[in-house]
Amino acid sequence: MKSWQIVRLVAGTFILLSLALGIEGSPIFVSPWWLAFTAFVGANLLQSALTKWCLMDTILRKVGVEPGC
């Protein structure tokens, strides 16, 4: 997988997991504060789209993950 694919995979996983942990109807509900994590991930996606820079992508490239378009 290329770095941009891993970033999207991790972001999607974080969003779905934090929603499952933060919505009261979920069988694995913990606290509504998990929705703040969902907002944090969304804000990071928005920031990376506007600035064309993503910290996770930079870290992945430094550890040897292949960059891609």
N, C-alpha and C. Protein backbone atom coordinates (compact mmCIF):
# COMPACT_ATOMS: atom_id res chain seq x y z
N MET A 1 0.84 -1.19 0.00
CA MET A 1 0.00 0.00 0.00
C MET A 1 0.88 1.24 0.00
N LYS A 2 0.39 2.25 -0.65
CA LYS A 2 1.10 3.53 -0.68
C LYS A 2 0.69 4.37 0.52
N SER A 3 1.49 5.39 0.83
CA SER A 3 1.27 6.18 2.05
C SER A 3 -0.12 6.83 2.08
N TRP A 4 -0.59 7.34 0.95
CA TRP A 4 -1.90 8.01 0.95
C TRP A 4 -3.01 7.02 1.23
N GLN A 5 -2.84 5.76 0.81
CA GLN A 5 -3.86 4.74 1.06
C GLN A 5 -3.91 4.38 2.55
N ILE A 6 -2.75 4.30 3.17
CA ILE A 6 -2.69 3.99 4.60
C ILE A 6 -3.31 5.13 5.41
N VAL A 7 -3.03 6.37 5.03
CA VAL A 7 -3.61 7.52 5.73
C VAL A 7 -5.13 7.45 5.68
N ARG A 8 -5.69 7.18 4.53
CA ARG A 8 -7.15 7.11 4.39
C ARG A 8 -7.73 5.91 5.13
N LEU A 9 -7.01 4.79 5.11
CA LEU A 9 -7.45 3.60 5.83
C LEU A 9 -7.50 3.87 7.34
N VAL A 10 -6.46 4.47 7.87
CA VAL A 10 -6.39 4.76 9.31
C VAL A 10 -7.45 5.80 9.68
N ALA A 11 -7.60 6.86 8.87
CA ALA A 11 -8.60 7.88 9.17
C ALA A 11 -10.01 7.30 9.17
N GLY A 12 -10.33 6.48 8.19
CA GLY A 12 -11.65 5.85 8.15
C GLY A 12 -11.89 4.93 9.32
N THR A 13 -10.87 4.16 9.69
CA THR A 13 -10.98 3.27 10.84
C THR A 13 -11.20 4.06 12.13
N PHE A 14 -10.42 5.14 12.32
CA PHE A 14 -10.57 5.98 13.51
C PHE A 14 -11.97 6.59 13.58
N ILE A 15 -12.49 7.07 12.45
CA ILE A 15 -13.81 7.68 12.45
C ILE A 15 -14.88 6.66 12.82
N LEU A 16 -14.85 5.51 12.18
CA LEU A 16 -15.87 4.49 12.48
C LEU A 16 -15.77 3.99 13.92
N LEU A 17 -14.57 3.78 14.41
CA LEU A 17 -14.39 3.30 15.78
C LEU A 17 -14.84 4.35 16.79
N SER A 18 -14.46 5.61 16.57
CA SER A 18 -14.86 6.65 17.53
C SER A 18 -16.37 6.89 17.49
N LEU A 19 -16.99 6.74 16.34
CA LEU A 19 -18.45 6.83 16.30
C LEU A 19 -19.09 5.69 17.08
N ALA A 20 -18.55 4.48 16.91
CA ALA A 20 -19.09 3.32 17.64
C ALA A 20 -18.93 3.50 19.15
N LEU A 21 -17.84 4.12 19.57
CA LEU A 21 -17.60 4.33 21.00
C LEU A 21 -18.36 5.53 21.55
N GLY A 22 -18.82 6.43 20.66
CA GLY A 22 -19.42 7.68 21.14
C GLY A 22 -20.92 7.80 20.96
N ILE A 23 -21.55 6.89 20.24
CA ILE A 23 -22.99 6.98 20.01
C ILE A 23 -23.71 6.01 20.96
N GLU A 24 -24.66 6.53 21.71
CA GLU A 24 -25.31 5.76 22.78
C GLU A 24 -25.98 4.47 22.30
N GLY A 25 -26.46 4.40 21.09
CA GLY A 25 -27.12 3.20 20.61
C GLY A 25 -26.17 2.08 20.24
N SER A 26 -24.89 2.35 20.26
CA SER A 26 -23.89 1.37 19.86
C SER A 26 -23.69 0.33 20.97
N PRO A 27 -23.46 -0.93 20.59
CA PRO A 27 -23.21 -1.96 21.62
C PRO A 27 -21.87 -1.78 22.34
N ILE A 28 -20.96 -0.98 21.79
CA ILE A 28 -19.67 -0.76 22.46
C ILE A 28 -19.53 0.69 22.94
N PHE A 29 -20.68 1.34 23.20
CA PHE A 29 -20.69 2.73 23.67
C PHE A 29 -19.87 2.86 24.96
N VAL A 30 -19.04 3.92 25.00
CA VAL A 30 -18.25 4.21 26.19
C VAL A 30 -18.63 5.59 26.74
N SER A 31 -18.50 6.61 25.88
CA SER A 31 -18.76 7.98 26.31
C SER A 31 -19.02 8.84 25.08
N PRO A 32 -19.89 9.83 25.20
CA PRO A 32 -20.10 10.72 24.06
C PRO A 32 -18.87 11.58 23.74
N TRP A 33 -17.91 11.63 24.64
CA TRP A 33 -16.69 12.39 24.39
C TRP A 33 -15.86 11.79 23.25
N TRP A 34 -16.12 10.54 22.87
CA TRP A 34 -15.42 9.94 21.73
C TRP A 34 -15.76 10.67 20.44
N LEU A 35 -16.89 11.36 20.41
CA LEU A 35 -17.26 12.13 19.21
C LEU A 35 -16.29 13.29 18.97
N ALA A 36 -15.63 13.76 20.03
CA ALA A 36 -14.61 14.79 19.87
C ALA A 36 -13.44 14.26 19.04
N PHE A 37 -13.12 12.98 19.20
CA PHE A 37 -12.06 12.37 18.41
C PHE A 37 -12.46 12.30 16.94
N THR A 38 -13.74 12.02 16.69
CA THR A 38 -14.26 12.02 15.32
C THR A 38 -14.07 13.40 14.70
N ALA A 39 -14.39 14.44 15.45
CA ALA A 39 -14.22 15.81 14.97
C ALA A 39 -12.74 16.14 14.73
N PHE A 40 -11.87 15.65 15.59
CA PHE A 40 -10.43 15.88 15.43
C PHE A 40 -9.91 15.26 14.14
N VAL A 41 -10.32 14.03 13.85
CA VAL A 41 -9.89 13.36 12.62
C VAL A 41 -10.43 14.12 11.41
N GLY A 42 -11.70 14.53 11.46
CA GLY A 42 -12.28 15.30 10.37
C GLY A 42 -11.56 16.62 10.14
N ALA A 43 -11.20 17.30 11.23
CA ALA A 43 -10.47 18.56 11.11
C ALA A 43 -9.09 18.35 10.49
N ASN A 44 -8.44 17.25 10.84
CA ASN A 44 -7.13 16.95 10.25
C ASN A 44 -7.26 16.64 8.76
N LEU A 45 -8.32 15.93 8.37
CA LEU A 45 -8.54 15.66 6.95
C LEU A 45 -8.77 16.96 6.19
N LEU A 46 -9.56 17.85 6.78
CA LEU A 46 -9.82 19.15 6.15
C LEU A 46 -8.52 19.96 6.02
N GLN A 47 -7.75 20.00 7.09
CA GLN A 47 -6.48 20.74 7.08
C GLN A 47 -5.54 20.19 6.01
N SER A 48 -5.44 18.87 5.91
CA SER A 48 -4.52 18.29 4.93
C SER A 48 -4.99 18.55 3.50
N ALA A 49 -6.29 18.63 3.29
CA ALA A 49 -6.80 18.94 1.95
C ALA A 49 -6.49 20.38 1.56
N LEU A 50 -6.54 21.29 2.52
CA LEU A 50 -6.31 22.70 2.22
C LEU A 50 -4.83 23.05 2.12
N THR A 51 -4.00 22.41 2.93
CA THR A 51 -2.57 22.75 2.94
C THR A 51 -1.71 21.79 2.13
N LYS A 52 -2.29 20.66 1.72
CA LYS A 52 -1.56 19.62 0.98
C LYS A 52 -0.39 19.06 1.79
N TRP A 53 -0.55 19.04 3.13
CA TRP A 53 0.45 18.47 4.03
C TRP A 53 -0.25 17.65 5.09
N CYS A 54 0.26 16.45 5.35
CA CYS A 54 -0.31 15.55 6.35
C CYS A 54 0.84 14.96 7.16
N LEU A 55 0.79 15.14 8.49
CA LEU A 55 1.85 14.66 9.35
C LEU A 55 2.00 13.14 9.26
N MET A 56 0.89 12.43 9.24
CA MET A 56 0.97 10.97 9.17
C MET A 56 1.63 10.50 7.88
N ASP A 57 1.32 11.18 6.78
CA ASP A 57 1.94 10.84 5.50
C ASP A 57 3.45 11.06 5.57
N THR A 58 3.86 12.15 6.19
CA THR A 58 5.29 12.44 6.35
C THR A 58 5.97 11.36 7.18
N ILE A 59 5.34 10.95 8.27
CA ILE A 59 5.91 9.91 9.13
C ILE A 59 5.99 8.59 8.39
N LEU A 60 4.94 8.22 7.67
CA LEU A 60 4.95 6.97 6.92
C LEU A 60 6.07 6.94 5.88
N ARG A 61 6.29 8.05 5.21
CA ARG A 61 7.36 8.10 4.21
C ARG A 61 8.73 7.95 4.86
N LYS A 62 8.90 8.53 6.06
CA LYS A 62 10.19 8.43 6.75
C LYS A 62 10.49 7.02 7.21
N VAL A 63 9.44 6.22 7.47
CA VAL A 63 9.68 4.84 7.88
C VAL A 63 9.73 3.89 6.70
N GLY A 64 9.68 4.44 5.48
CA GLY A 64 9.92 3.64 4.31
C GLY A 64 8.70 3.24 3.48
N VAL A 65 7.54 3.76 3.81
CA VAL A 65 6.36 3.44 3.02
C VAL A 65 6.44 4.19 1.71
N GLU A 66 6.09 3.53 0.63
CA GLU A 66 6.18 4.13 -0.70
C GLU A 66 5.17 5.26 -0.88
N PRO A 67 5.66 6.44 -1.30
CA PRO A 67 4.72 7.54 -1.57
C PRO A 67 3.96 7.27 -2.87
N GLY A 68 2.87 7.94 -3.05
CA GLY A 68 2.10 7.78 -4.27
C GLY A 68 1.17 8.95 -4.48
N CYS A 69 0.54 8.99 -5.61
CA CYS A 69 -0.36 10.09 -5.96
C CYS A 69 -1.73 9.87 -5.39
